[in-house]
Amino acid sequence: MSRKPSLSIPVRVYYEDTDAGGVVYYANYLNFYERARTELLRELGFEQNELITDRDILFAVTNVDIHYRRPACFNDMLEVSAVIREVGRVGLVFEQEMRRPADGELLSSATIRVACLSAMEFKPVAIPDEIKEVLQP
C-alpha cells in the first residue's frame, strides 16, 4: 500500500499572529494550514504560480472544517502537517494538524477541501491526469 502524499513544516508564532491575550487569532490557523498545503504541492513539484501561468489552473479552498483544541501562543514553535487524503476529478481533500513539538500536544485539526479551477474563468475543471498521478498515493 502506498503512502499518501504528506509534509510537515515548522511555524513560529509571531506577535502579529496573536490577539491582545497572546493567543493565535483563530483565522490565522488557516494561514498556517495554507503554508503547509503550499509547501506540500511545492515538494511534489507543483509551484502554484506556474500552475496558473503554464496550465491555467489554480486550487481554491471550497470548505473548511476546523477543530480548535488548545491555544497556540506567542513565540510557540509549531509543526503544521498536510496530508492529501482524497483526490477526486476536480478536487482534493487535505487532512491537517497543528502540534506543539515541545510537548506533542495537538492544538488544532482540519479537513480542507479545494477545487481545481480555471485561473481565467474561475470555473471548476478536471485536475490534469499527470498532476493527479503525482497527488494520488
Protein backbone atom coordinates (compact mmCIF):
# COMPACT_ATOMS: atom_id res chain seq x y z
CA MET A 1 0.00 0.00 0.00
CA SER A 2 1.41 3.41 -0.96
CA ARG A 3 1.69 6.32 1.40
CA LYS A 4 -0.47 9.34 0.94
CA PRO A 5 1.49 12.49 -0.01
CA SER A 6 2.24 14.39 3.20
CA LEU A 7 4.53 17.04 4.66
CA SER A 8 5.09 18.86 7.96
CA ILE A 9 6.59 22.31 8.28
CA PRO A 10 7.80 24.32 11.28
CA VAL A 11 5.98 27.58 12.01
CA ARG A 12 6.87 30.07 14.72
CA VAL A 13 4.05 32.16 16.17
CA TYR A 14 4.87 35.85 15.88
CA TYR A 15 3.27 38.68 17.79
CA GLU A 16 1.36 39.70 14.65
CA ASP A 17 -0.35 36.27 14.65
CA THR A 18 -1.88 36.79 18.09
CA ASP A 19 -4.70 38.70 19.74
CA ALA A 20 -4.30 41.00 22.73
CA GLY A 21 -4.01 37.98 25.04
CA GLY A 22 -1.04 36.49 23.17
CA VAL A 23 -3.14 33.65 21.72
CA VAL A 24 -3.12 32.93 17.97
CA TYR A 25 -6.13 34.65 16.41
CA TYR A 26 -8.47 31.92 15.18
CA ALA A 27 -8.36 32.95 11.48
CA ASN A 28 -4.55 32.77 11.43
CA TYR A 29 -4.69 28.99 11.83
CA LEU A 30 -5.95 29.00 8.24
CA ASN A 31 -2.83 30.88 7.14
CA PHE A 32 -0.60 28.28 8.81
CA TYR A 33 -2.55 25.46 7.15
CA GLU A 34 -2.28 27.23 3.77
CA ARG A 35 1.51 27.37 4.12
CA ALA A 36 1.69 23.61 4.73
CA ARG A 37 -0.52 22.82 1.71
CA THR A 38 1.53 25.14 -0.49
CA GLU A 39 4.79 23.53 0.65
CA LEU A 40 3.38 20.04 0.07
CA LEU A 41 2.43 20.94 -3.51
CA ARG A 42 5.86 22.52 -4.00
CA GLU A 43 7.54 19.36 -2.64
CA LEU A 44 5.54 17.33 -5.17
CA GLY A 45 6.80 19.57 -7.99
CA PHE A 46 3.90 22.00 -8.39
CA GLU A 47 4.56 25.71 -7.95
CA GLN A 48 1.19 27.39 -7.72
CA ASN A 49 2.21 30.41 -9.82
CA GLU A 50 3.39 28.05 -12.59
CA LEU A 51 0.12 26.11 -12.49
CA ILE A 52 -1.65 29.41 -13.15
CA THR A 53 0.63 30.69 -15.92
CA ASP A 54 1.52 27.38 -17.61
CA ARG A 55 -1.69 25.35 -17.15
CA ASP A 56 -4.42 27.93 -16.41
CA ILE A 57 -5.39 26.16 -13.19
CA LEU A 58 -5.42 27.02 -9.53
CA PHE A 59 -6.59 25.31 -6.37
CA ALA A 60 -9.14 27.24 -4.30
CA VAL A 61 -10.48 26.35 -0.87
CA THR A 62 -14.16 25.42 -1.01
CA ASN A 63 -14.75 24.08 2.51
CA VAL A 64 -13.01 24.14 5.88
CA ASP A 65 -13.88 22.03 8.90
CA ILE A 66 -11.55 23.06 11.71
CA HIS A 67 -11.40 21.92 15.31
CA TYR A 68 -9.63 24.16 17.81
CA ARG A 69 -8.45 22.01 20.72
CA ARG A 70 -5.83 24.04 22.61
CA PRO A 71 -4.46 27.53 22.02
CA ALA A 72 -1.21 28.26 20.25
CA CYS A 73 0.53 31.25 21.82
CA PHE A 74 3.06 33.94 21.05
CA ASN A 75 6.54 32.54 20.34
CA ASP A 76 5.38 28.89 20.23
CA MET A 77 7.16 26.68 17.72
CA LEU A 78 4.55 24.66 15.85
CA GLU A 79 4.58 21.72 13.47
CA VAL A 80 1.89 22.03 10.80
CA SER A 81 1.13 18.99 8.65
CA ALA A 82 -0.77 18.42 5.43
CA VAL A 83 -1.81 15.04 4.05
CA ILE A 84 -3.69 14.55 0.80
CA ARG A 85 -6.49 12.23 1.89
CA GLU A 86 -8.53 12.16 -1.30
CA VAL A 87 -8.06 13.05 -4.96
CA GLY A 88 -11.23 13.50 -7.00
CA ARG A 89 -11.91 14.52 -10.56
CA VAL A 90 -11.89 18.25 -9.76
CA GLY A 91 -10.85 18.45 -6.13
CA LEU A 92 -8.61 17.42 -3.27
CA VAL A 93 -9.24 16.79 0.40
CA PHE A 94 -6.45 17.59 2.85
CA GLU A 95 -6.25 16.42 6.46
CA GLN A 96 -4.18 18.86 8.50
CA GLU A 97 -2.91 19.10 12.05
CA MET A 98 -1.10 21.64 14.15
CA ARG A 99 1.02 20.42 17.05
CA ARG A 100 3.42 21.94 19.52
CA PRO A 101 6.52 19.70 19.25
CA ALA A 102 7.78 20.75 22.69
CA ASP A 103 5.04 18.70 24.35
CA GLY A 104 3.48 16.88 21.38
CA GLU A 105 0.08 18.40 22.09
CA LEU A 106 -2.44 18.52 19.24
CA LEU A 107 -3.66 22.12 19.07
CA SER A 108 -5.88 22.01 16.01
CA SER A 109 -7.02 19.70 13.24
CA ALA A 110 -8.79 20.47 9.98
CA THR A 111 -10.26 18.89 6.89
CA ILE A 112 -9.88 21.27 3.97
CA ARG A 113 -11.40 20.75 0.53
CA VAL A 114 -10.01 22.51 -2.52
CA ALA A 115 -11.29 22.63 -6.08
CA CYS A 116 -9.28 22.83 -9.27
CA LEU A 117 -10.43 25.92 -11.16
CA SER A 118 -9.64 27.59 -14.45
CA ALA A 119 -7.47 30.56 -13.49
CA MET A 120 -9.09 32.65 -16.23
CA GLU A 121 -12.74 31.77 -15.65
CA PHE A 122 -12.81 30.60 -12.00
CA LYS A 123 -14.91 27.60 -13.06
CA PRO A 124 -14.24 24.00 -11.96
CA VAL A 125 -12.03 21.95 -14.30
CA ALA A 126 -10.67 18.43 -14.09
CA ILE A 127 -7.29 18.01 -12.44
CA PRO A 128 -4.89 17.15 -15.29
CA ASP A 129 -4.07 13.43 -15.31
CA GLU A 130 -0.30 13.96 -14.97
CA ILE A 131 -0.87 16.05 -11.83
CA LYS A 132 -3.46 13.62 -10.45
CA GLU A 133 -0.98 10.73 -10.82
CA VAL A 134 1.52 12.54 -8.56
CA LEU A 135 -1.09 13.57 -5.98
CA GLN A 136 -2.59 10.10 -5.54
CA PRO A 137 -0.77 7.57 -3.36
